[in-house]
């Protein structure tokens, strides 16, 4: 049985600004580091066989704080990156709605297939994360894993394990400063904990 602990990275200043940012590479803010210290305390008695992270700074920094490993020991997977918002990166939705009126309307009508200008669409993100998590489960079957990534990435992992539809994406949330855990046996995932503080 594989035990997969999921942690969202800590807060960044761009979270405070409430802008769209996926591929933008930013560090944690002070509160974000505190979020991770809190998770570290909660997981102090768990013996992880390995630590996996998105390669983006906010996730890697979080993984370093939460786990006893240094950065060179953390395994990064490109497939765990957040969605690429393209030209919408670092923009607030109110500004996007004004600047990209037609595209905004298309996104509201079909958010799964809509491609952000210069970025990617949800379906490509879903397939990227699905391929990545399947590879991880094959490579590290039976291990206890800490996986640190982004809310969008974690929500897709949860959809996959719970056999939910893409449309159910908005029914899930992964909070700062918490951890969740799945037990996976032969590809069958059981949600044991979610947003534990």
C-alpha atoms as a PDB file:
ATOM      1  CA  UNK A   1       0.000   0.000   0.000  1.00  0.00           C
ATOM      2  CA  UNK A   2       1.230   3.465  -0.916  1.00  0.00           C
ATOM      3  CA  UNK A   3       0.584   6.342   1.463  1.00  0.00           C
ATOM      4  CA  UNK A   4       0.512   9.698  -0.271  1.00  0.00           C
ATOM      5  CA  UNK A   5       0.531  12.840   1.869  1.00  0.00           C
ATOM      6  CA  UNK A   6      -0.522  15.901  -0.112  1.00  0.00           C
ATOM      7  CA  UNK A   7       0.461  19.416   0.921  1.00  0.00           C
ATOM      8  CA  UNK A   8      -0.268  22.689  -0.798  1.00  0.00           C
ATOM      9  CA  UNK A   9       2.612  25.145  -0.815  1.00  0.00           C
ATOM     10  CA  UNK A  10       2.466  28.020   1.665  1.00  0.00           C
ATOM     11  CA  UNK A  11       1.103  31.464   0.900  1.00  0.00           C
ATOM     12  CA  UNK A  12       2.870  33.919  -1.411  1.00  0.00           C
ATOM     13  CA  UNK A  13       2.358  37.647  -1.924  1.00  0.00           C
ATOM     14  CA  UNK A  14       0.562  36.888  -5.200  1.00  0.00           C
ATOM     15  CA  UNK A  15      -2.064  34.922  -3.268  1.00  0.00           C
ATOM     16  CA  UNK A  16      -2.749  38.071  -1.250  1.00  0.00           C
ATOM     17  CA  UNK A  17      -3.169  40.074  -4.465  1.00  0.00           C
ATOM     18  CA  UNK A  18      -5.650  37.424  -5.708  1.00  0.00           C
ATOM     19  CA  UNK A  19      -4.145  37.350  -9.176  1.00  0.00           C
ATOM     20  CA  UNK A  20      -3.942  34.354 -11.493  1.00  0.00           C
ATOM     21  CA  UNK A  21      -0.509  32.842 -11.340  1.00  0.00           C
ATOM     22  CA  UNK A  22       0.535  29.351 -12.280  1.00  0.00           C
ATOM     23  CA  UNK A  23       3.930  29.254 -13.973  1.00  0.00           C
ATOM     24  CA  UNK A  24       5.087  32.496 -12.326  1.00  0.00           C
ATOM     25  CA  UNK A  25       7.946  31.482 -10.040  1.00  0.00           C
ATOM     26  CA  UNK A  26       7.673  33.250  -6.686  1.00  0.00           C
ATOM     27  CA  UNK A  27       8.858  32.517  -3.170  1.00  0.00           C
ATOM     28  CA  UNK A  28       6.842  32.077   0.001  1.00  0.00           C
ATOM     29  CA  UNK A  29       6.010  35.088   2.116  1.00  0.00           C
ATOM     30  CA  UNK A  30       6.421  35.128   5.908  1.00  0.00           C
ATOM     31  CA  UNK A  31       2.985  33.650   6.561  1.00  0.00           C
ATOM     32  CA  UNK A  32       3.630  31.005   3.909  1.00  0.00           C
ATOM     33  CA  UNK A  33       6.707  29.832   5.823  1.00  0.00           C
ATOM     34  CA  UNK A  34       4.639  29.673   9.009  1.00  0.00           C
ATOM     35  CA  UNK A  35       2.041  27.571   7.170  1.00  0.00           C
ATOM     36  CA  UNK A  36       4.770  25.069   6.313  1.00  0.00           C
ATOM     37  CA  UNK A  37       6.244  25.043   9.806  1.00  0.00           C
ATOM     38  CA  UNK A  38       2.792  24.162  11.133  1.00  0.00           C
ATOM     39  CA  UNK A  39       2.486  21.247   8.704  1.00  0.00           C
ATOM     40  CA  UNK A  40       5.994  20.093   9.627  1.00  0.00           C
ATOM     41  CA  UNK A  41       4.932  19.927  13.267  1.00  0.00           C
ATOM     42  CA  UNK A  42       1.805  17.920  12.422  1.00  0.00           C
ATOM     43  CA  UNK A  43       3.781  15.405  10.335  1.00  0.00           C
ATOM     44  CA  UNK A  44       6.838  15.150  12.586  1.00  0.00           C
ATOM     45  CA  UNK A  45       6.168  11.500  13.444  1.00  0.00           C
ATOM     46  CA  UNK A  46       5.617  10.341   9.852  1.00  0.00           C
ATOM     47  CA  UNK A  47       8.648   8.635   8.315  1.00  0.00           C
ATOM     48  CA  UNK A  48       8.630   9.543   4.636  1.00  0.00           C
ATOM     49  CA  UNK A  49      10.465   7.313   2.203  1.00  0.00           C
ATOM     50  CA  UNK A  50      10.764  10.196  -0.219  1.00  0.00           C
ATOM     51  CA  UNK A  51       9.648  13.763  -0.864  1.00  0.00           C
ATOM     52  CA  UNK A  52       8.302  14.898  -4.232  1.00  0.00           C
ATOM     53  CA  UNK A  53       7.608  18.466  -5.303  1.00  0.00           C
ATOM     54  CA  UNK A  54       6.664  20.708  -8.163  1.00  0.00           C
ATOM     55  CA  UNK A  55       9.869  22.417  -9.349  1.00  0.00           C
ATOM     56  CA  UNK A  56       8.479  25.911  -8.723  1.00  0.00           C
ATOM     57  CA  UNK A  57      10.080  27.867  -5.850  1.00  0.00           C
ATOM     58  CA  UNK A  58       7.003  28.116  -3.659  1.00  0.00           C
ATOM     59  CA  UNK A  59       6.554  24.333  -3.694  1.00  0.00           C
ATOM     60  CA  UNK A  60      10.238  23.453  -3.304  1.00  0.00           C
ATOM     61  CA  UNK A  61      10.642  25.917  -0.421  1.00  0.00           C
ATOM     62  CA  UNK A  62       7.578  24.421   1.240  1.00  0.00           C
ATOM     63  CA  UNK A  63       8.884  20.873   0.795  1.00  0.00           C
ATOM     64  CA  UNK A  64      12.216  21.882   2.333  1.00  0.00           C
ATOM     65  CA  UNK A  65      10.512  23.338   5.402  1.00  0.00           C
ATOM     66  CA  UNK A  66       8.026  20.495   5.892  1.00  0.00           C
ATOM     67  CA  UNK A  67      10.445  17.614   5.351  1.00  0.00           C
ATOM     68  CA  UNK A  68      13.813  16.826   6.941  1.00  0.00           C
ATOM     69  CA  UNK A  69      15.452  16.801   3.508  1.00  0.00           C
ATOM     70  CA  UNK A  70      17.464  19.469   1.733  1.00  0.00           C
ATOM     71  CA  UNK A  71      16.644  20.608  -1.794  1.00  0.00           C
ATOM     72  CA  UNK A  72      19.077  18.240  -3.511  1.00  0.00           C
ATOM     73  CA  UNK A  73      17.246  15.262  -1.985  1.00  0.00           C
ATOM     74  CA  UNK A  74      13.754  16.373  -3.043  1.00  0.00           C
ATOM     75  CA  UNK A  75      12.542  14.829  -6.305  1.00  0.00           C
ATOM     76  CA  UNK A  76      10.908  17.366  -8.626  1.00  0.00           C
ATOM     77  CA  UNK A  77       8.401  16.531 -11.341  1.00  0.00           C
ATOM     78  CA  UNK A  78       7.597  19.018 -14.102  1.00  0.00           C
ATOM     79  CA  UNK A  79       4.169  17.429 -14.391  1.00  0.00           C
ATOM     80  CA  UNK A  80       3.210  18.791 -10.968  1.00  0.00           C
ATOM     81  CA  UNK A  81       3.433  22.450 -12.007  1.00  0.00           C
ATOM     82  CA  UNK A  82       0.316  24.588 -11.707  1.00  0.00           C
ATOM     83  CA  UNK A  83      -1.574  25.502 -14.880  1.00  0.00           C
ATOM     84  CA  UNK A  84       0.032  27.991 -17.264  1.00  0.00           C
ATOM     85  CA  UNK A  85      -2.264  31.015 -17.448  1.00  0.00           C
ATOM     86  CA  UNK A  86      -0.207  32.514 -20.303  1.00  0.00           C
ATOM     87  CA  UNK A  87      -0.997  36.199 -20.808  1.00  0.00           C
ATOM     88  CA  UNK A  88      -3.371  36.083 -17.852  1.00  0.00           C
ATOM     89  CA  UNK A  89      -0.523  35.426 -15.412  1.00  0.00           C
ATOM     90  CA  UNK A  90      -0.319  38.011 -12.605  1.00  0.00           C
ATOM     91  CA  UNK A  91      -3.629  39.613 -13.572  1.00  0.00           C
ATOM     92  CA  UNK A  92      -6.719  40.001 -11.391  1.00  0.00           C
ATOM     93  CA  UNK A  93      -9.917  38.531 -12.827  1.00  0.00           C
ATOM     94  CA  UNK A  94     -11.558  41.981 -12.911  1.00  0.00           C
ATOM     95  CA  UNK A  95      -8.780  43.253 -15.202  1.00  0.00           C
ATOM     96  CA  UNK A  96      -8.910  40.114 -17.345  1.00  0.00           C
ATOM     97  CA  UNK A  97     -12.659  40.534 -17.757  1.00  0.00           C
ATOM     98  CA  UNK A  98     -12.053  44.045 -19.164  1.00  0.00           C
ATOM     99  CA  UNK A  99      -8.973  43.328 -21.292  1.00  0.00           C
ATOM    100  CA  UNK A 100     -10.061  39.950 -22.695  1.00  0.00           C
ATOM    101  CA  UNK A 101     -13.835  40.251 -22.941  1.00  0.00           C
ATOM    102  CA  UNK A 102     -14.362  37.583 -25.610  1.00  0.00           C
ATOM    103  CA  UNK A 103     -11.842  35.159 -24.132  1.00  0.00           C
ATOM    104  CA  UNK A 104     -13.319  35.640 -20.655  1.00  0.00           C
ATOM    105  CA  UNK A 105     -16.762  34.754 -21.996  1.00  0.00           C
ATOM    106  CA  UNK A 106     -15.380  31.651 -23.715  1.00  0.00           C
ATOM    107  CA  UNK A 107     -13.650  30.581 -20.506  1.00  0.00           C
ATOM    108  CA  UNK A 108     -16.885  30.875 -18.522  1.00  0.00           C
ATOM    109  CA  UNK A 109     -18.732  28.840 -21.161  1.00  0.00           C
ATOM    110  CA  UNK A 110     -16.182  26.013 -21.477  1.00  0.00           C
ATOM    111  CA  UNK A 111     -13.426  26.232 -18.855  1.00  0.00           C
ATOM    112  CA  UNK A 112     -12.276  22.657 -19.477  1.00  0.00           C
ATOM    113  CA  UNK A 113     -11.346  23.157 -23.144  1.00  0.00           C
ATOM    114  CA  UNK A 114     -10.577  26.886 -23.181  1.00  0.00           C
ATOM    115  CA  UNK A 115      -6.871  27.617 -23.671  1.00  0.00           C
ATOM    116  CA  UNK A 116      -5.552  30.671 -21.866  1.00  0.00           C
ATOM    117  CA  UNK A 117      -3.923  33.037 -24.400  1.00  0.00           C
ATOM    118  CA  UNK A 118      -0.307  31.890 -24.628  1.00  0.00           C
ATOM    119  CA  UNK A 119      -0.948  29.236 -21.975  1.00  0.00           C
ATOM    120  CA  UNK A 120      -2.663  25.870 -21.635  1.00  0.00           C
ATOM    121  CA  UNK A 121      -6.139  24.547 -20.984  1.00  0.00           C
ATOM    122  CA  UNK A 122      -7.548  22.558 -18.098  1.00  0.00           C
ATOM    123  CA  UNK A 123      -7.740  19.335 -20.066  1.00  0.00           C
ATOM    124  CA  UNK A 124      -4.015  19.457 -20.853  1.00  0.00           C
ATOM    125  CA  UNK A 125      -3.265  20.185 -17.182  1.00  0.00           C
ATOM    126  CA  UNK A 126      -5.424  17.224 -16.140  1.00  0.00           C
ATOM    127  CA  UNK A 127      -3.666  14.842 -18.529  1.00  0.00           C
ATOM    128  CA  UNK A 128      -0.239  16.152 -17.493  1.00  0.00           C
ATOM    129  CA  UNK A 129      -0.954  15.605 -13.798  1.00  0.00           C
ATOM    130  CA  UNK A 130      -2.613  12.218 -14.434  1.00  0.00           C
ATOM    131  CA  UNK A 131       0.422  10.934 -16.332  1.00  0.00           C
ATOM    132  CA  UNK A 132       2.731  12.271 -13.637  1.00  0.00           C
ATOM    133  CA  UNK A 133       0.904  10.721 -10.677  1.00  0.00           C
ATOM    134  CA  UNK A 134       0.606   7.389 -12.494  1.00  0.00           C
ATOM    135  CA  UNK A 135       4.376   7.403 -13.046  1.00  0.00           C
ATOM    136  CA  UNK A 136       4.993   8.238  -9.388  1.00  0.00           C
ATOM    137  CA  UNK A 137       2.774   5.391  -8.199  1.00  0.00           C
ATOM    138  CA  UNK A 138       4.546   2.911 -10.472  1.00  0.00           C
ATOM    139  CA  UNK A 139       8.040   4.076  -9.490  1.00  0.00           C
ATOM    140  CA  UNK A 140       7.376   4.255  -5.755  1.00  0.00           C
ATOM    141  CA  UNK A 141       4.731   1.638  -5.073  1.00  0.00           C
ATOM    142  CA  UNK A 142       4.396   0.768  -1.396  1.00  0.00           C
ATOM    143  CA  UNK A 143       6.225   3.888  -0.205  1.00  0.00           C
ATOM    144  CA  UNK A 144       5.167   6.652   2.155  1.00  0.00           C
ATOM    145  CA  UNK A 145       5.416   9.825   0.093  1.00  0.00           C
ATOM    146  CA  UNK A 146       5.186  13.526   0.841  1.00  0.00           C
ATOM    147  CA  UNK A 147       4.028  15.389  -2.266  1.00  0.00           C
ATOM    148  CA  UNK A 148       4.081  19.192  -2.230  1.00  0.00           C
ATOM    149  CA  UNK A 149       2.434  21.062  -5.080  1.00  0.00           C
ATOM    150  CA  UNK A 150      -0.243  23.570  -6.040  1.00  0.00           C
ATOM    151  CA  UNK A 151      -3.947  23.612  -5.320  1.00  0.00           C
ATOM    152  CA  UNK A 152      -4.900  22.960  -8.940  1.00  0.00           C
ATOM    153  CA  UNK A 153      -2.524  20.012  -9.152  1.00  0.00           C
ATOM    154  CA  UNK A 154      -3.694  18.530  -5.848  1.00  0.00           C
ATOM    155  CA  UNK A 155      -7.348  18.867  -6.795  1.00  0.00           C
ATOM    156  CA  UNK A 156      -6.734  16.874  -9.962  1.00  0.00           C
ATOM    157  CA  UNK A 157      -4.884  14.154  -8.038  1.00  0.00           C
ATOM    158  CA  UNK A 158      -7.899  13.921  -5.714  1.00  0.00           C
ATOM    159  CA  UNK A 159     -10.310  13.747  -8.671  1.00  0.00           C
ATOM    160  CA  UNK A 160      -8.332  10.845 -10.107  1.00  0.00           C
ATOM    161  CA  UNK A 161      -8.164   8.833  -6.881  1.00  0.00           C
ATOM    162  CA  UNK A 162     -11.829   9.398  -6.073  1.00  0.00           C
ATOM    163  CA  UNK A 163     -12.948   8.597  -9.628  1.00  0.00           C
ATOM    164  CA  UNK A 164     -14.625  11.978  -9.975  1.00  0.00           C
ATOM    165  CA  UNK A 165     -15.297  13.912 -13.182  1.00  0.00           C
ATOM    166  CA  UNK A 166     -13.350  16.946 -14.376  1.00  0.00           C
ATOM    167  CA  UNK A 167     -16.498  18.983 -13.750  1.00  0.00           C
ATOM    168  CA  UNK A 168     -16.181  18.183 -10.024  1.00  0.00           C
ATOM    169  CA  UNK A 169     -12.927  20.157  -9.836  1.00  0.00           C
ATOM    170  CA  UNK A 170     -14.652  23.132  -8.187  1.00  0.00           C
ATOM    171  CA  UNK A 171     -16.060  20.928  -5.385  1.00  0.00           C
ATOM    172  CA  UNK A 172     -12.607  20.488  -3.852  1.00  0.00           C
ATOM    173  CA  UNK A 173     -10.182  22.747  -2.026  1.00  0.00           C
ATOM    174  CA  UNK A 174      -6.762  22.323  -0.455  1.00  0.00           C
ATOM    175  CA  UNK A 175      -6.055  24.897   2.234  1.00  0.00           C
ATOM    176  CA  UNK A 176      -2.759  26.521   3.210  1.00  0.00           C
ATOM    177  CA  UNK A 177      -1.084  25.063   6.268  1.00  0.00           C
ATOM    178  CA  UNK A 178      -2.854  21.695   6.083  1.00  0.00           C
ATOM    179  CA  UNK A 179      -2.169  18.200   4.827  1.00  0.00           C
ATOM    180  CA  UNK A 180      -4.304  15.484   3.252  1.00  0.00           C
ATOM    181  CA  UNK A 181      -3.613  11.779   2.830  1.00  0.00           C
ATOM    182  CA  UNK A 182      -4.606   8.985   0.467  1.00  0.00           C
ATOM    183  CA  UNK A 183      -3.918   5.295   0.801  1.00  0.00           C
ATOM    184  CA  UNK A 184      -3.536   3.692  -2.615  1.00  0.00           C
ATOM    185  CA  UNK A 185      -3.693  -0.031  -3.223  1.00  0.00           C
ATOM    186  CA  UNK A 186      -3.345  -1.293  -6.810  1.00  0.00           C
ATOM    187  CA  UNK A 187      -4.505   2.058  -8.137  1.00  0.00           C
ATOM    188  CA  UNK A 188      -7.525   2.250  -5.804  1.00  0.00           C
ATOM    189  CA  UNK A 189      -7.341   5.383  -3.680  1.00  0.00           C
ATOM    190  CA  UNK A 190      -8.984   5.902  -0.296  1.00  0.00           C
ATOM    191  CA  UNK A 191      -9.131   9.399   1.152  1.00  0.00           C
ATOM    192  CA  UNK A 192      -8.079   9.063   4.802  1.00  0.00           C
ATOM    193  CA  UNK A 193      -7.522  12.709   5.743  1.00  0.00           C
ATOM    194  CA  UNK A 194      -8.226  16.081   4.152  1.00  0.00           C
ATOM    195  CA  UNK A 195      -7.140  19.601   5.127  1.00  0.00           C
ATOM    196  CA  UNK A 196      -5.896  18.487   8.535  1.00  0.00           C
ATOM    197  CA  UNK A 197      -4.557  21.222  10.785  1.00  0.00           C
END
